[in-house]
C-alpha atoms as a PDB file:
ATOM      1  CA  MET A   1      28.455   4.852 -23.769  1.00  0.00           C
ATOM      2  CA  THR A   2      27.339   2.795 -26.513  1.00  0.00           C
ATOM      3  CA  ILE A   3      25.678  -0.946 -24.765  1.00  0.00           C
ATOM      4  CA  ARG A   4      25.410  -3.035 -27.531  1.00  0.00           C
ATOM      5  CA  TYR A   5      23.276  -6.118 -26.728  1.00  0.00           C
ATOM      6  CA  ASP A   6      23.562  -9.665 -28.320  1.00  0.00           C
ATOM      7  CA  SER A   7      21.359 -12.837 -28.073  1.00  0.00           C
ATOM      8  CA  ASP A   8      23.904 -15.314 -29.872  1.00  0.00           C
ATOM      9  CA  ARG A   9      26.663 -14.897 -27.680  1.00  0.00           C
ATOM     10  CA  THR A  10      27.688 -17.943 -25.333  1.00  0.00           C
ATOM     11  CA  LEU A  11      27.444 -17.053 -21.630  1.00  0.00           C
ATOM     12  CA  SER A  12      30.226 -18.619 -19.521  1.00  0.00           C
ATOM     13  CA  PRO A  13      30.070 -19.437 -16.313  1.00  0.00           C
ATOM     14  CA  GLU A  14      32.971 -16.986 -15.053  1.00  0.00           C
ATOM     15  CA  ASP A  15      31.104 -14.406 -16.848  1.00  0.00           C
ATOM     16  CA  PHE A  16      27.436 -15.380 -15.655  1.00  0.00           C
ATOM     17  CA  VAL A  17      28.750 -15.553 -11.895  1.00  0.00           C
ATOM     18  CA  ASP A  18      30.411 -12.281 -12.193  1.00  0.00           C
ATOM     19  CA  ILE A  19      27.593 -10.377 -13.762  1.00  0.00           C
ATOM     20  CA  LEU A  20      25.535 -11.948 -10.789  1.00  0.00           C
ATOM     21  CA  GLU A  21      27.922 -10.451  -7.791  1.00  0.00           C
ATOM     22  CA  ARG A  22      27.747  -7.048  -9.968  1.00  0.00           C
ATOM     23  CA  SER A  23      24.466  -6.287 -10.057  1.00  0.00           C
ATOM     24  CA  GLY A  24      23.563  -7.957  -6.187  1.00  0.00           C
ATOM     25  CA  LEU A  25      21.623 -11.062  -7.673  1.00  0.00           C
ATOM     26  CA  ALA A  26      24.427 -13.328  -6.686  1.00  0.00           C
ATOM     27  CA  GLU A  27      23.074 -13.512  -3.060  1.00  0.00           C
ATOM     28  CA  ARG A  28      19.715 -14.984  -4.114  1.00  0.00           C
ATOM     29  CA  ARG A  29      21.919 -17.577  -6.726  1.00  0.00           C
ATOM     30  CA  PRO A  30      24.310 -20.743  -5.835  1.00  0.00           C
ATOM     31  CA  THR A  31      27.488 -18.902  -7.115  1.00  0.00           C
ATOM     32  CA  ASP A  32      29.491 -20.615  -5.122  1.00  0.00           C
ATOM     33  CA  ASN A  33      28.253 -23.888  -6.985  1.00  0.00           C
ATOM     34  CA  HIS A  34      30.312 -24.491 -10.289  1.00  0.00           C
ATOM     35  CA  GLU A  35      28.428 -27.296 -11.611  1.00  0.00           C
ATOM     36  CA  THR A  36      25.333 -25.254 -10.786  1.00  0.00           C
ATOM     37  CA  MET A  37      25.656 -22.383 -12.780  1.00  0.00           C
ATOM     38  CA  GLN A  38      27.481 -23.918 -15.674  1.00  0.00           C
ATOM     39  CA  GLY A  39      24.486 -25.756 -16.006  1.00  0.00           C
ATOM     40  CA  MET A  40      22.057 -22.659 -15.685  1.00  0.00           C
ATOM     41  CA  ALA A  41      24.398 -20.607 -18.533  1.00  0.00           C
ATOM     42  CA  ALA A  42      24.339 -23.831 -20.913  1.00  0.00           C
ATOM     43  CA  ASN A  43      20.541 -24.808 -20.692  1.00  0.00           C
ATOM     44  CA  ALA A  44      19.007 -21.594 -20.528  1.00  0.00           C
ATOM     45  CA  ASN A  45      17.930 -21.317 -24.014  1.00  0.00           C
ATOM     46  CA  LEU A  46      17.373 -17.498 -24.446  1.00  0.00           C
ATOM     47  CA  ILE A  47      19.974 -15.135 -23.209  1.00  0.00           C
ATOM     48  CA  VAL A  48      20.037 -11.791 -23.932  1.00  0.00           C
ATOM     49  CA  THR A  49      23.559 -10.012 -22.905  1.00  0.00           C
ATOM     50  CA  ALA A  50      24.459  -6.677 -22.602  1.00  0.00           C
ATOM     51  CA  TRP A  51      27.989  -5.265 -23.307  1.00  0.00           C
ATOM     52  CA  ASP A  52      30.193  -2.424 -22.715  1.00  0.00           C
ATOM     53  CA  GLY A  53      32.976  -3.007 -24.977  1.00  0.00           C
ATOM     54  CA  ASP A  54      34.406  -6.370 -24.106  1.00  0.00           C
ATOM     55  CA  LEU A  55      32.489  -5.605 -20.220  1.00  0.00           C
ATOM     56  CA  LEU A  56      29.407  -7.564 -19.686  1.00  0.00           C
ATOM     57  CA  VAL A  57      26.947  -5.184 -18.416  1.00  0.00           C
ATOM     58  CA  GLY A  58      24.109  -7.242 -18.151  1.00  0.00           C
ATOM     59  CA  VAL A  59      22.390 -10.643 -18.862  1.00  0.00           C
ATOM     60  CA  ALA A  60      18.664 -11.441 -19.158  1.00  0.00           C
ATOM     61  CA  ARG A  61      18.430 -15.442 -18.785  1.00  0.00           C
ATOM     62  CA  SER A  62      15.279 -17.366 -19.588  1.00  0.00           C
ATOM     63  CA  ILE A  63      13.568 -20.957 -20.416  1.00  0.00           C
ATOM     64  CA  THR A  64      11.057 -20.950 -23.020  1.00  0.00           C
ATOM     65  CA  ASP A  65       9.288 -22.403 -25.525  1.00  0.00           C
ATOM     66  CA  PHE A  66       8.750 -19.206 -27.398  1.00  0.00           C
ATOM     67  CA  HIS A  67       4.909 -19.903 -28.113  1.00  0.00           C
ATOM     68  CA  TYR A  68       3.384 -20.037 -25.114  1.00  0.00           C
ATOM     69  CA  ALA A  69       5.217 -19.209 -22.142  1.00  0.00           C
ATOM     70  CA  CYS A  70       8.728 -17.568 -20.932  1.00  0.00           C
ATOM     71  CA  TYR A  71      10.374 -17.769 -17.722  1.00  0.00           C
ATOM     72  CA  LEU A  72      12.675 -15.102 -17.086  1.00  0.00           C
ATOM     73  CA  SER A  73      15.055 -16.361 -14.474  1.00  0.00           C
ATOM     74  CA  ASP A  74      17.444 -13.811 -14.100  1.00  0.00           C
ATOM     75  CA  LEU A  75      17.360 -10.329 -14.963  1.00  0.00           C
ATOM     76  CA  ALA A  76      20.756  -8.842 -14.171  1.00  0.00           C
ATOM     77  CA  VAL A  77      22.552  -5.574 -14.827  1.00  0.00           C
ATOM     78  CA  ASP A  78      25.452  -4.407 -13.256  1.00  0.00           C
ATOM     79  CA  ARG A  79      24.905  -1.900 -10.448  1.00  0.00           C
ATOM     80  CA  THR A  80      27.104   0.796 -11.918  1.00  0.00           C
ATOM     81  CA  TYR A  81      25.077   0.602 -15.294  1.00  0.00           C
ATOM     82  CA  GLN A  82      21.358   0.532 -13.373  1.00  0.00           C
ATOM     83  CA  ARG A  83      19.080   3.260 -14.378  1.00  0.00           C
ATOM     84  CA  GLN A  84      20.356   3.969 -17.515  1.00  0.00           C
ATOM     85  CA  GLY A  85      17.429   1.602 -19.446  1.00  0.00           C
ATOM     86  CA  ILE A  86      19.667  -1.784 -19.544  1.00  0.00           C
ATOM     87  CA  GLY A  87      17.250  -3.774 -17.943  1.00  0.00           C
ATOM     88  CA  ARG A  88      13.888  -2.149 -19.377  1.00  0.00           C
ATOM     89  CA  ALA A  89      15.717  -3.607 -23.050  1.00  0.00           C
ATOM     90  CA  LEU A  90      16.824  -6.680 -22.056  1.00  0.00           C
ATOM     91  CA  ILE A  91      13.513  -7.587 -21.528  1.00  0.00           C
ATOM     92  CA  ARG A  92      12.029  -5.805 -24.474  1.00  0.00           C
ATOM     93  CA  LEU A  93      14.703  -7.674 -26.696  1.00  0.00           C
ATOM     94  CA  THR A  94      13.704 -10.706 -24.473  1.00  0.00           C
ATOM     95  CA  SER A  95       9.892 -10.485 -25.583  1.00  0.00           C
ATOM     96  CA  GLU A  96      11.037  -9.636 -29.389  1.00  0.00           C
ATOM     97  CA  LYS A  97      12.199 -13.055 -29.304  1.00  0.00           C
ATOM     98  CA  LEU A  98       8.824 -14.290 -28.256  1.00  0.00           C
ATOM     99  CA  GLY A  99       5.629 -15.635 -30.380  1.00  0.00           C
ATOM    100  CA  PRO A 100       3.045 -13.138 -30.193  1.00  0.00           C
ATOM    101  CA  GLN A 101       0.896 -15.496 -27.918  1.00  0.00           C
ATOM    102  CA  CYS A 102       3.993 -15.935 -25.374  1.00  0.00           C
ATOM    103  CA  LYS A 103       3.618 -14.665 -21.714  1.00  0.00           C
ATOM    104  CA  LEU A 104       6.846 -13.318 -19.701  1.00  0.00           C
ATOM    105  CA  ILE A 105       6.854 -15.093 -16.124  1.00  0.00           C
ATOM    106  CA  LEU A 106       9.159 -14.125 -13.640  1.00  0.00           C
ATOM    107  CA  VAL A 107       9.778 -13.697 -10.138  1.00  0.00           C
ATOM    108  CA  SER A 108      11.146 -10.719  -8.396  1.00  0.00           C
ATOM    109  CA  ALA A 109      13.692  -9.973  -6.000  1.00  0.00           C
ATOM    110  CA  PRO A 110      12.144  -8.598  -3.019  1.00  0.00           C
ATOM    111  CA  ASP A 111      13.397  -4.863  -3.860  1.00  0.00           C
ATOM    112  CA  ALA A 112      12.443  -4.826  -7.538  1.00  0.00           C
ATOM    113  CA  ASN A 113       8.768  -5.004  -7.014  1.00  0.00           C
ATOM    114  CA  ASP A 114       8.364  -1.488  -8.089  1.00  0.00           C
ATOM    115  CA  TYR A 115       9.920  -1.927 -11.013  1.00  0.00           C
ATOM    116  CA  TYR A 116       8.623  -4.299 -13.069  1.00  0.00           C
ATOM    117  CA  ALA A 117       4.857  -2.986 -12.193  1.00  0.00           C
ATOM    118  CA  GLN A 118       5.691   0.344 -13.942  1.00  0.00           C
ATOM    119  CA  LEU A 119       6.871  -1.790 -17.267  1.00  0.00           C
ATOM    120  CA  GLY A 120       3.571  -3.174 -17.411  1.00  0.00           C
ATOM    121  CA  PHE A 121       4.163  -6.175 -15.465  1.00  0.00           C
ATOM    122  CA  GLU A 122       0.927  -7.585 -13.731  1.00  0.00           C
ATOM    123  CA  LYS A 123       1.231  -9.104 -10.336  1.00  0.00           C
ATOM    124  CA  SER A 124      -0.118 -13.209 -10.226  1.00  0.00           C
ATOM    125  CA  GLU A 125      -1.408 -14.650  -6.787  1.00  0.00           C
ATOM    126  CA  ARG A 126      -1.725 -17.899  -8.415  1.00  0.00           C
ATOM    127  CA  THR A 127       2.453 -18.964  -8.049  1.00  0.00           C
ATOM    128  CA  TRP A 128       3.522 -21.877  -6.195  1.00  0.00           C
ATOM    129  CA  VAL A 129       7.131 -23.406  -5.411  1.00  0.00           C
ATOM    130  CA  LEU A 130       7.741 -26.823  -4.443  1.00  0.00           C
ATOM    131  CA  PRO A 131      11.802 -26.062  -2.435  1.00  0.00           C
ATOM    132  CA  ARG A 132      14.126 -28.855  -3.007  1.00  0.00           C
ATOM    133  CA  GLY A 133      14.234 -30.720  -0.133  1.00  0.00           C
ATOM    134  CA  LYS A 134      10.706 -30.837  -0.580  1.00  0.00           C
ATOM    135  CA  HIS A 135       8.520 -33.974  -1.904  1.00  0.00           C
ATOM    136  CA  ILE A 136       5.052 -35.094  -2.854  1.00  0.00           C
ATOM    137  CA  GLU A 137       3.369 -37.390  -1.139  1.00  0.00           C
END
């Protein structure tokens, strides 16, 4: 198996939903909302994909300024391709696109905490989220 990585290929909303479903990440994403998924695919400014032939087997989707902060919003690898270093390679290739001072930031899926720790990520206790529907008074 030869996995090919690409950071110039456009990610269609259909391919994005498909890889989220095959990775298990779809349960935490609004995959039934086409407009949202289309916006997520179209408006990320750094996407690295992994391909086995014509099959998308992994994606790292990020929003970044390339100099200070990069939010890695989605890291998804097809379940049948997991534990082969694809996720690690997607993160490494994402990081290589960033400037030397740029931090890579992510919110881990509950089952992935140990994975990110072993890669060298440091847990932050200072992350805050304002859920949709909550308003600042």
